[in-house]
Amino acid sequence: MTINGFDVSYAYVDEATSELRTQTKAVQDQIESLDSQMQVVKADLDGAMAAEYDRKVASWRANVADMQLLLGKAEAALNEIRNNYASTDGREAMNWQALL
């Protein structure tokens, strides 16, 4: 629907949330892949270096968890906007039909 250059496409909202979820999963997968590869090397690392690596991986995982939390909140907000717009659009359509 387009009004005065304002365009609403429900599919764009769905695509945006899906793409954000896909990219967040890709980041998570890369971290896990790196960690898996590093486990072979990590056995040869000295104490402080191995401990720092573990701290970094834990930090990256926490960042991904934060991304997932924010994504969930953004998705809920986008869905609420989408549903509110659809409700308003339907209600206004009925108002116009009542004029006929």
PDB file of N, CA and C in Angstrom:
ATOM      1  N   MET A   1       0.845  -1.163   0.000  1.00  0.00           N
ATOM      2  CA  MET A   1       0.000   0.000   0.000  1.00  0.00           C
ATOM      3  C   MET A   1       0.892   1.228   0.000  1.00  0.00           C
ATOM      4  N   THR A   2       0.562   2.224  -0.847  1.00  0.00           N
ATOM      5  CA  THR A   2       1.324   3.459  -0.924  1.00  0.00           C
ATOM      6  C   THR A   2       0.390   4.650  -0.794  1.00  0.00           C
ATOM      7  N   ILE A   3       0.735   5.555   0.128  1.00  0.00           N
ATOM      8  CA  ILE A   3      -0.025   6.790   0.308  1.00  0.00           C
ATOM      9  C   ILE A   3       0.982   7.920   0.415  1.00  0.00           C
ATOM     10  N   ASN A   4       0.878   8.903  -0.510  1.00  0.00           N
ATOM     11  CA  ASN A   4       1.770  10.068  -0.484  1.00  0.00           C
ATOM     12  C   ASN A   4       3.241   9.673  -0.331  1.00  0.00           C
ATOM     13  N   GLY A   5       3.654   8.671  -1.063  1.00  0.00           N
ATOM     14  CA  GLY A   5       5.043   8.238  -1.018  1.00  0.00           C
ATOM     15  C   GLY A   5       5.395   7.338   0.155  1.00  0.00           C
ATOM     16  N   PHE A   6       4.441   7.107   1.042  1.00  0.00           N
ATOM     17  CA  PHE A   6       4.653   6.227   2.190  1.00  0.00           C
ATOM     18  C   PHE A   6       4.230   4.835   1.773  1.00  0.00           C
ATOM     19  N   ASP A   7       5.168   3.917   1.814  1.00  0.00           N
ATOM     20  CA  ASP A   7       4.906   2.564   1.328  1.00  0.00           C
ATOM     21  C   ASP A   7       5.082   1.565   2.464  1.00  0.00           C
ATOM     22  N   VAL A   8       4.089   0.696   2.620  1.00  0.00           N
ATOM     23  CA  VAL A   8       4.170  -0.353   3.634  1.00  0.00           C
ATOM     24  C   VAL A   8       4.073  -1.696   2.930  1.00  0.00           C
ATOM     25  N   SER A   9       5.079  -2.519   3.160  1.00  0.00           N
ATOM     26  CA  SER A   9       5.072  -3.869   2.619  1.00  0.00           C
ATOM     27  C   SER A   9       5.355  -4.825   3.763  1.00  0.00           C
ATOM     28  N   TYR A  10       4.375  -5.650   4.065  1.00  0.00           N
ATOM     29  CA  TYR A  10       4.538  -6.607   5.156  1.00  0.00           C
ATOM     30  C   TYR A  10       5.697  -7.555   4.879  1.00  0.00           C
ATOM     31  N   ALA A  11       5.904  -7.872   3.624  1.00  0.00           N
ATOM     32  CA  ALA A  11       6.978  -8.799   3.262  1.00  0.00           C
ATOM     33  C   ALA A  11       8.349  -8.240   3.647  1.00  0.00           C
ATOM     34  N   TYR A  12       8.532  -6.924   3.532  1.00  0.00           N
ATOM     35  CA  TYR A  12       9.818  -6.322   3.903  1.00  0.00           C
ATOM     36  C   TYR A  12      10.107  -6.502   5.386  1.00  0.00           C
ATOM     37  N   VAL A  13       9.088  -6.362   6.203  1.00  0.00           N
ATOM     38  CA  VAL A  13       9.265  -6.561   7.646  1.00  0.00           C
ATOM     39  C   VAL A  13       9.682  -8.001   7.913  1.00  0.00           C
ATOM     40  N   ASP A  14       8.986  -8.933   7.292  1.00  0.00           N
ATOM     41  CA  ASP A  14       9.312 -10.348   7.470  1.00  0.00           C
ATOM     42  C   ASP A  14      10.720 -10.668   6.964  1.00  0.00           C
ATOM     43  N   GLU A  15      11.074 -10.100   5.799  1.00  0.00           N
ATOM     44  CA  GLU A  15      12.403 -10.341   5.232  1.00  0.00           C
ATOM     45  C   GLU A  15      13.499  -9.758   6.116  1.00  0.00           C
ATOM     46  N   ALA A  16      13.262  -8.570   6.645  1.00  0.00           N
ATOM     47  CA  ALA A  16      14.273  -7.911   7.486  1.00  0.00           C
ATOM     48  C   ALA A  16      14.546  -8.727   8.742  1.00  0.00           C
ATOM     49  N   THR A  17      13.511  -9.185   9.404  1.00  0.00           N
ATOM     50  CA  THR A  17      13.722  -9.964  10.626  1.00  0.00           C
ATOM     51  C   THR A  17      14.385 -11.305  10.308  1.00  0.00           C
ATOM     52  N   SER A  18      14.007 -11.897   9.204  1.00  0.00           N
ATOM     53  CA  SER A  18      14.616 -13.166   8.805  1.00  0.00           C
ATOM     54  C   SER A  18      16.101 -12.980   8.485  1.00  0.00           C
ATOM     55  N   GLU A  19      16.433 -11.906   7.782  1.00  0.00           N
ATOM     56  CA  GLU A  19      17.829 -11.648   7.422  1.00  0.00           C
ATOM     57  C   GLU A  19      18.674 -11.356   8.666  1.00  0.00           C
ATOM     58  N   LEU A  20      18.134 -10.601   9.601  1.00  0.00           N
ATOM     59  CA  LEU A  20      18.858 -10.333  10.846  1.00  0.00           C
ATOM     60  C   LEU A  20      19.125 -11.624  11.610  1.00  0.00           C
ATOM     61  N   ARG A  21      18.132 -12.479  11.660  1.00  0.00           N
ATOM     62  CA  ARG A  21      18.284 -13.757  12.358  1.00  0.00           C
ATOM     63  C   ARG A  21      19.337 -14.630  11.648  1.00  0.00           C
ATOM     64  N   THR A  22      19.299 -14.649  10.326  1.00  0.00           N
ATOM     65  CA  THR A  22      20.256 -15.431   9.542  1.00  0.00           C
ATOM     66  C   THR A  22      21.683 -14.943   9.769  1.00  0.00           C
ATOM     67  N   GLN A  23      21.878 -13.631   9.753  1.00  0.00           N
ATOM     68  CA  GLN A  23      23.222 -13.078   9.930  1.00  0.00           C
ATOM     69  C   GLN A  23      23.740 -13.296  11.354  1.00  0.00           C
ATOM     70  N   THR A  24      22.865 -13.192  12.334  1.00  0.00           N
ATOM     71  CA  THR A  24      23.270 -13.457  13.713  1.00  0.00           C
ATOM     72  C   THR A  24      23.701 -14.910  13.864  1.00  0.00           C
ATOM     73  N   LYS A  25      22.960 -15.814  13.242  1.00  0.00           N
ATOM     74  CA  LYS A  25      23.314 -17.235  13.278  1.00  0.00           C
ATOM     75  C   LYS A  25      24.649 -17.470  12.574  1.00  0.00           C
ATOM     76  N   ALA A  26      24.899 -16.750  11.479  1.00  0.00           N
ATOM     77  CA  ALA A  26      26.166 -16.896  10.758  1.00  0.00           C
ATOM     78  C   ALA A  26      27.342 -16.470  11.637  1.00  0.00           C
ATOM     79  N   VAL A  27      27.176 -15.384  12.387  1.00  0.00           N
ATOM     80  CA  VAL A  27      28.232 -14.941  13.305  1.00  0.00           C
ATOM     81  C   VAL A  27      28.469 -16.006  14.370  1.00  0.00           C
ATOM     82  N   GLN A  28      27.385 -16.522  14.922  1.00  0.00           N
ATOM     83  CA  GLN A  28      27.500 -17.562  15.950  1.00  0.00           C
ATOM     84  C   GLN A  28      28.220 -18.792  15.394  1.00  0.00           C
ATOM     85  N   ASP A  29      27.859 -19.193  14.196  1.00  0.00           N
ATOM     86  CA  ASP A  29      28.498 -20.358  13.575  1.00  0.00           C
ATOM     87  C   ASP A  29      29.992 -20.129  13.346  1.00  0.00           C
ATOM     88  N   GLN A  30      30.372 -18.911  12.948  1.00  0.00           N
ATOM     89  CA  GLN A  30      31.788 -18.600  12.736  1.00  0.00           C
ATOM     90  C   GLN A  30      32.580 -18.681  14.043  1.00  0.00           C
ATOM     91  N   ILE A  31      31.989 -18.173  15.111  1.00  0.00           N
ATOM     92  CA  ILE A  31      32.657 -18.248  16.418  1.00  0.00           C
ATOM     93  C   ILE A  31      32.864 -19.702  16.818  1.00  0.00           C
ATOM     94  N   GLU A  32      31.827 -20.511  16.653  1.00  0.00           N
ATOM     95  CA  GLU A  32      31.937 -21.925  17.031  1.00  0.00           C
ATOM     96  C   GLU A  32      32.926 -22.669  16.140  1.00  0.00           C
ATOM     97  N   SER A  33      32.964 -22.320  14.857  1.00  0.00           N
ATOM     98  CA  SER A  33      33.919 -22.947  13.943  1.00  0.00           C
ATOM     99  C   SER A  33      35.352 -22.582  14.328  1.00  0.00           C
ATOM    100  N   LEU A  34      35.576 -21.302  14.610  1.00  0.00           N
ATOM    101  CA  LEU A  34      36.900 -20.862  15.046  1.00  0.00           C
ATOM    102  C   LEU A  34      37.306 -21.575  16.330  1.00  0.00           C
ATOM    103  N   ASP A  35      36.379 -21.641  17.275  1.00  0.00           N
ATOM    104  CA  ASP A  35      36.696 -22.291  18.548  1.00  0.00           C
ATOM    105  C   ASP A  35      37.029 -23.767  18.346  1.00  0.00           C
ATOM    106  N   SER A  36      36.299 -24.411  17.477  1.00  0.00           N
ATOM    107  CA  SER A  36      36.564 -25.824  17.197  1.00  0.00           C
ATOM    108  C   SER A  36      37.968 -26.011  16.625  1.00  0.00           C
ATOM    109  N   GLN A  37      38.349 -25.141  15.700  1.00  0.00           N
ATOM    110  CA  GLN A  37      39.679 -25.218  15.104  1.00  0.00           C
ATOM    111  C   GLN A  37      40.764 -24.866  16.120  1.00  0.00           C
ATOM    112  N   MET A  38      40.460 -23.921  16.987  1.00  0.00           N
ATOM    113  CA  MET A  38      41.447 -23.484  17.981  1.00  0.00           C
ATOM    114  C   MET A  38      41.686 -24.526  19.067  1.00  0.00           C
ATOM    115  N   GLN A  39      40.748 -25.408  19.289  1.00  0.00           N
ATOM    116  CA  GLN A  39      40.931 -26.410  20.340  1.00  0.00           C
ATOM    117  C   GLN A  39      42.155 -27.275  20.072  1.00  0.00           C
ATOM    118  N   VAL A  40      42.444 -27.515  18.791  1.00  0.00           N
ATOM    119  CA  VAL A  40      43.625 -28.301  18.423  1.00  0.00           C
ATOM    120  C   VAL A  40      44.896 -27.532  18.798  1.00  0.00           C
ATOM    121  N   VAL A  41      44.908 -26.247  18.495  1.00  0.00           N
ATOM    122  CA  VAL A  41      46.072 -25.403  18.762  1.00  0.00           C
ATOM    123  C   VAL A  41      46.174 -25.058  20.244  1.00  0.00           C
ATOM    124  N   LYS A  42      45.041 -24.902  20.886  1.00  0.00           N
ATOM    125  CA  LYS A  42      44.993 -24.438  22.272  1.00  0.00           C
ATOM    126  C   LYS A  42      45.784 -25.339  23.220  1.00  0.00           C
ATOM    127  N   ALA A  43      45.845 -26.597  22.920  1.00  0.00           N
ATOM    128  CA  ALA A  43      46.595 -27.531  23.773  1.00  0.00           C
ATOM    129  C   ALA A  43      48.069 -27.142  23.857  1.00  0.00           C
ATOM    130  N   ASP A  44      48.566 -26.460  22.823  1.00  0.00           N
ATOM    131  CA  ASP A  44      49.975 -26.053  22.794  1.00  0.00           C
ATOM    132  C   ASP A  44      50.203 -24.652  23.369  1.00  0.00           C
ATOM    133  N   LEU A  45      49.145 -23.956  23.714  1.00  0.00           N
ATOM    134  CA  LEU A  45      49.291 -22.595  24.238  1.00  0.00           C
ATOM    135  C   LEU A  45      49.665 -22.621  25.712  1.00  0.00           C
ATOM    136  N   ASP A  46      50.418 -21.616  26.105  1.00  0.00           N
ATOM    137  CA  ASP A  46      50.760 -21.473  27.522  1.00  0.00           C
ATOM    138  C   ASP A  46      49.570 -20.904  28.284  1.00  0.00           C
ATOM    139  N   GLY A  47      49.614 -21.010  29.609  1.00  0.00           N
ATOM    140  CA  GLY A  47      48.512 -20.658  30.491  1.00  0.00           C
ATOM    141  C   GLY A  47      47.818 -19.337  30.229  1.00  0.00           C
ATOM    142  N   ALA A  48      48.542 -18.220  30.259  1.00  0.00           N
ATOM    143  CA  ALA A  48      47.910 -16.907  30.117  1.00  0.00           C
ATOM    144  C   ALA A  48      47.283 -16.734  28.736  1.00  0.00           C
ATOM    145  N   MET A  49      47.957 -17.207  27.717  1.00  0.00           N
ATOM    146  CA  MET A  49      47.442 -17.073  26.362  1.00  0.00           C
ATOM    147  C   MET A  49      46.153 -17.882  26.198  1.00  0.00           C
ATOM    148  N   ALA A  50      46.143 -19.095  26.703  1.00  0.00           N
ATOM    149  CA  ALA A  50      44.947 -19.937  26.624  1.00  0.00           C
ATOM    150  C   ALA A  50      43.806 -19.323  27.417  1.00  0.00           C
ATOM    151  N   ALA A  51      44.117 -18.787  28.586  1.00  0.00           N
ATOM    152  CA  ALA A  51      43.078 -18.167  29.417  1.00  0.00           C
ATOM    153  C   ALA A  51      42.494 -16.938  28.729  1.00  0.00           C
ATOM    154  N   GLU A  52      43.350 -16.138  28.084  1.00  0.00           N
ATOM    155  CA  GLU A  52      42.861 -14.940  27.379  1.00  0.00           C
ATOM    156  C   GLU A  52      41.988 -15.342  26.194  1.00  0.00           C
ATOM    157  N   TYR A  53      42.400 -16.380  25.484  1.00  0.00           N
ATOM    158  CA  TYR A  53      41.572 -16.877  24.379  1.00  0.00           C
ATOM    159  C   TYR A  53      40.199 -17.282  24.907  1.00  0.00           C
ATOM    160  N   ASP A  54      40.158 -18.027  25.999  1.00  0.00           N
ATOM    161  CA  ASP A  54      38.880 -18.450  26.581  1.00  0.00           C
ATOM    162  C   ASP A  54      38.018 -17.249  26.961  1.00  0.00           C
ATOM    163  N   ARG A  55      38.645 -16.200  27.512  1.00  0.00           N
ATOM    164  CA  ARG A  55      37.895 -14.989  27.866  1.00  0.00           C
ATOM    165  C   ARG A  55      37.317 -14.322  26.623  1.00  0.00           C
ATOM    166  N   LYS A  56      38.108 -14.270  25.555  1.00  0.00           N
ATOM    167  CA  LYS A  56      37.636 -13.642  24.314  1.00  0.00           C
ATOM    168  C   LYS A  56      36.470 -14.420  23.716  1.00  0.00           C
ATOM    169  N   VAL A  57      36.593 -15.724  23.660  1.00  0.00           N
ATOM    170  CA  VAL A  57      35.506 -16.541  23.101  1.00  0.00           C
ATOM    171  C   VAL A  57      34.243 -16.376  23.937  1.00  0.00           C
ATOM    172  N   ALA A  58      34.393 -16.351  25.244  1.00  0.00           N
ATOM    173  CA  ALA A  58      33.232 -16.145  26.122  1.00  0.00           C
ATOM    174  C   ALA A  58      32.602 -14.780  25.857  1.00  0.00           C
ATOM    175  N   SER A  59      33.435 -13.770  25.635  1.00  0.00           N
ATOM    176  CA  SER A  59      32.935 -12.427  25.328  1.00  0.00           C
ATOM    177  C   SER A  59      32.189 -12.412  23.999  1.00  0.00           C
ATOM    178  N   TRP A  60      32.742 -13.075  22.991  1.00  0.00           N
ATOM    179  CA  TRP A  60      32.078 -13.136  21.690  1.00  0.00           C
ATOM    180  C   TRP A  60      30.733 -13.848  21.799  1.00  0.00           C
ATOM    181  N   ARG A  61      30.722 -14.933  22.543  1.00  0.00           N
ATOM    182  CA  ARG A  61      29.460 -15.661  22.726  1.00  0.00           C
ATOM    183  C   ARG A  61      28.437 -14.796  23.452  1.00  0.00           C
ATOM    184  N   ALA A  62      28.885 -14.038  24.441  1.00  0.00           N
ATOM    185  CA  ALA A  62      27.975 -13.131  25.158  1.00  0.00           C
ATOM    186  C   ALA A  62      27.446 -12.056  24.216  1.00  0.00           C
ATOM    187  N   ASN A  63      28.305 -11.561  23.323  1.00  0.00           N
ATOM    188  CA  ASN A  63      27.857 -10.563  22.347  1.00  0.00           C
ATOM    189  C   ASN A  63      26.797 -11.136  21.417  1.00  0.00           C
ATOM    190  N   VAL A  64      26.987 -12.368  20.982  1.00  0.00           N
ATOM    191  CA  VAL A  64      25.985 -13.016  20.131  1.00  0.00           C
ATOM    192  C   VAL A  64      24.673 -13.181  20.899  1.00  0.00           C
ATOM    193  N   ALA A  65      24.760 -13.572  22.154  1.00  0.00           N
ATOM    194  CA  ALA A  65      23.547 -13.705  22.972  1.00  0.00           C
ATOM    195  C   ALA A  65      22.839 -12.358  23.091  1.00  0.00           C
ATOM    196  N   ASP A  66      23.614 -11.273  23.255  1.00  0.00           N
ATOM    197  CA  ASP A  66      23.024  -9.931  23.292  1.00  0.00           C
ATOM    198  C   ASP A  66      22.360  -9.593  21.959  1.00  0.00           C
ATOM    199  N   MET A  67      23.034  -9.949  20.859  1.00  0.00           N
ATOM    200  CA  MET A  67      22.458  -9.704  19.539  1.00  0.00           C
ATOM    201  C   MET A  67      21.134 -10.445  19.394  1.00  0.00           C
ATOM    202  N   GLN A  68      21.095 -11.688  19.852  1.00  0.00           N
ATOM    203  CA  GLN A  68      19.870 -12.476  19.756  1.00  0.00           C
ATOM    204  C   GLN A  68      18.760 -11.877  20.612  1.00  0.00           C
ATOM    205  N   LEU A  69      19.107 -11.389  21.798  1.00  0.00           N
ATOM    206  CA  LEU A  69      18.124 -10.750  22.666  1.00  0.00           C
ATOM    207  C   LEU A  69      17.573  -9.483  22.016  1.00  0.00           C
ATOM    208  N   LEU A  70      18.473  -8.636  21.512  1.00  0.00           N
ATOM    209  CA  LEU A  70      18.030  -7.411  20.845  1.00  0.00           C
ATOM    210  C   LEU A  70      17.222  -7.722  19.595  1.00  0.00           C
ATOM    211  N   LEU A  71      17.636  -8.737  18.864  1.00  0.00           N
ATOM    212  CA  LEU A  71      16.895  -9.144  17.674  1.00  0.00           C
ATOM    213  C   LEU A  71      15.486  -9.575  18.046  1.00  0.00           C
ATOM    214  N   GLY A  72      15.368 -10.337  19.116  1.00  0.00           N
ATOM    215  CA  GLY A  72      14.042 -10.761  19.568  1.00  0.00           C
ATOM    216  C   GLY A  72      13.166  -9.573  19.913  1.00  0.00           C
ATOM    217  N   LYS A  73      13.739  -8.580  20.594  1.00  0.00           N
ATOM    218  CA  LYS A  73      12.981  -7.371  20.941  1.00  0.00           C
ATOM    219  C   LYS A  73      12.613  -6.573  19.692  1.00  0.00           C
ATOM    220  N   ALA A  74      13.562  -6.444  18.765  1.00  0.00           N
ATOM    221  CA  ALA A  74      13.290  -5.719  17.524  1.00  0.00           C
ATOM    222  C   ALA A  74      12.226  -6.436  16.702  1.00  0.00           C
ATOM    223  N   GLU A  75      12.311  -7.742  16.660  1.00  0.00           N
ATOM    224  CA  GLU A  75      11.327  -8.527  15.918  1.00  0.00           C
ATOM    225  C   GLU A  75       9.937  -8.353  16.522  1.00  0.00           C
ATOM    226  N   ALA A  76       9.854  -8.367  17.845  1.00  0.00           N
ATOM    227  CA  ALA A  76       8.565  -8.162  18.511  1.00  0.00           C
ATOM    228  C   ALA A  76       8.019  -6.776  18.205  1.00  0.00           C
ATOM    229  N   ALA A  77       8.890  -5.761  18.229  1.00  0.00           N
ATOM    230  CA  ALA A  77       8.451  -4.395  17.924  1.00  0.00           C
ATOM    231  C   ALA A  77       7.997  -4.277  16.475  1.00  0.00           C
ATOM    232  N   LEU A  78       8.763  -4.854  15.553  1.00  0.00           N
ATOM    233  CA  LEU A  78       8.377  -4.808  14.142  1.00  0.00           C
ATOM    234  C   LEU A  78       7.061  -5.534  13.906  1.00  0.00           C
ATOM    235  N   ASN A  79       6.883  -6.666  14.555  1.00  0.00           N
ATOM    236  CA  ASN A  79       5.625  -7.400  14.402  1.00  0.00           C
ATOM    237  C   ASN A  79       4.455  -6.617  14.978  1.00  0.00           C
ATOM    238  N   GLU A  80       4.675  -5.928  16.095  1.00  0.00           N
ATOM    239  CA  GLU A  80       3.611  -5.107  16.669  1.00  0.00           C
ATOM    240  C   GLU A  80       3.251  -3.964  15.723  1.00  0.00           C
ATOM    241  N   ILE A  81       4.267  -3.312  15.159  1.00  0.00           N
ATOM    242  CA  ILE A  81       4.017  -2.243  14.183  1.00  0.00           C
ATOM    243  C   ILE A  81       3.264  -2.800  12.988  1.00  0.00           C
ATOM    244  N   ARG A  82       3.716  -3.940  12.496  1.00  0.00           N
ATOM    245  CA  ARG A  82       3.070  -4.582  11.342  1.00  0.00           C
ATOM    246  C   ARG A  82       1.609  -4.889  11.650  1.00  0.00           C
ATOM    247  N   ASN A  83       1.352  -5.489  12.809  1.00  0.00           N
ATOM    248  CA  ASN A  83      -0.014  -5.853  13.180  1.00  0.00           C
ATOM    249  C   ASN A  83      -0.888  -4.628  13.413  1.00  0.00           C
ATOM    250  N   ASN A  84      -0.330  -3.599  14.056  1.00  0.00           N
ATOM    251  CA  ASN A  84      -1.090  -2.368  14.267  1.00  0.00           C
ATOM    252  C   ASN A  84      -1.439  -1.706  12.944  1.00  0.00           C
ATOM    253  N   TYR A  85      -0.484  -1.679  12.021  1.00  0.00           N
ATOM    254  CA  TYR A  85      -0.751  -1.080  10.720  1.00  0.00           C
ATOM    255  C   TYR A  85      -1.818  -1.869   9.973  1.00  0.00           C
ATOM    256  N   ALA A  86      -1.713  -3.193   9.999  1.00  0.00           N
ATOM    257  CA  ALA A  86      -2.703  -4.028   9.311  1.00  0.00           C
ATOM    258  C   ALA A  86      -4.085  -3.820   9.914  1.00  0.00           C
ATOM    259  N   SER A  87      -4.160  -3.703  11.225  1.00  0.00           N
ATOM    260  CA  SER A  87      -5.439  -3.471  11.899  1.00  0.00           C
ATOM    261  C   SER A  87      -6.026  -2.124  11.502  1.00  0.00           C
ATOM    262  N   THR A  88      -5.195  -1.092  11.520  1.00  0.00           N
ATOM    263  CA  THR A  88      -5.655   0.245  11.134  1.00  0.00           C
ATOM    264  C   THR A  88      -6.072   0.268   9.674  1.00  0.00           C
ATOM    265  N   ASP A  89      -5.289  -0.364   8.821  1.00  0.00           N
ATOM    266  CA  ASP A  89      -5.603  -0.418   7.397  1.00  0.00           C
ATOM    267  C   ASP A  89      -6.954  -1.089   7.172  1.00  0.00           C
ATOM    268  N   GLY A  90      -7.181  -2.209   7.842  1.00  0.00           N
ATOM    269  CA  GLY A  90      -8.460  -2.916   7.699  1.00  0.00           C
ATOM    270  C   GLY A  90      -9.625  -2.106   8.230  1.00  0.00           C
ATOM    271  N   ARG A  91      -9.429  -1.454   9.374  1.00  0.00           N
ATOM    272  CA  ARG A  91     -10.489  -0.636   9.969  1.00  0.00           C
ATOM    273  C   ARG A  91     -10.840   0.547   9.059  1.00  0.00           C
ATOM    274  N   GLU A  92      -9.830   1.204   8.518  1.00  0.00           N
ATOM    275  CA  GLU A  92     -10.085   2.342   7.630  1.00  0.00           C
ATOM    276  C   GLU A  92     -10.738   1.886   6.326  1.00  0.00           C
ATOM    277  N   ALA A  93     -10.372   0.714   5.845  1.00  0.00           N
ATOM    278  CA  ALA A  93     -11.020   0.184   4.641  1.00  0.00           C
ATOM    279  C   ALA A  93     -12.504  -0.030   4.893  1.00  0.00           C
ATOM    280  N   MET A  94     -12.851  -0.544   6.089  1.00  0.00           N
ATOM    281  CA  MET A  94     -14.272  -0.734   6.420  1.00  0.00           C
ATOM    282  C   MET A  94     -14.984   0.608   6.537  1.00  0.00           C
ATOM    283  N   ASN A  95     -14.311   1.625   7.054  1.00  0.00           N
ATOM    284  CA  ASN A  95     -14.916   2.960   7.134  1.00  0.00           C
ATOM    285  C   ASN A  95     -15.233   3.496   5.747  1.00  0.00           C
ATOM    286  N   TRP A  96     -14.336   3.301   4.806  1.00  0.00           N
ATOM    287  CA  TRP A  96     -14.589   3.754   3.446  1.00  0.00           C
ATOM    288  C   TRP A  96     -15.710   2.945   2.796  1.00  0.00           C
ATOM    289  N   GLN A  97     -15.759   1.649   3.078  1.00  0.00           N
ATOM    290  CA  GLN A  97     -16.836   0.819   2.529  1.00  0.00           C
ATOM    291  C   GLN A  97     -18.183   1.262   3.064  1.00  0.00           C
ATOM    292  N   ALA A  98     -18.217   1.708   4.299  1.00  0.00           N
ATOM    293  CA  ALA A  98     -19.472   2.146   4.912  1.00  0.00           C
ATOM    294  C   ALA A  98     -20.012   3.396   4.236  1.00  0.00           C
ATOM    295  N   LEU A  99     -19.172   4.164   3.582  1.00  0.00           N
ATOM    296  CA  LEU A  99     -19.613   5.382   2.902  1.00  0.00           C
ATOM    297  C   LEU A  99     -20.336   5.081   1.600  1.00  0.00           C
ATOM    298  N   LEU A 100     -20.167   3.899   1.085  1.00  0.00           N
ATOM    299  CA  LEU A 100     -20.800   3.553  -0.191  1.00  0.00           C
ATOM    300  C   LEU A 100     -22.179   3.159   0.038  1.00  0.00           C
TER     301      LEU A 100
END
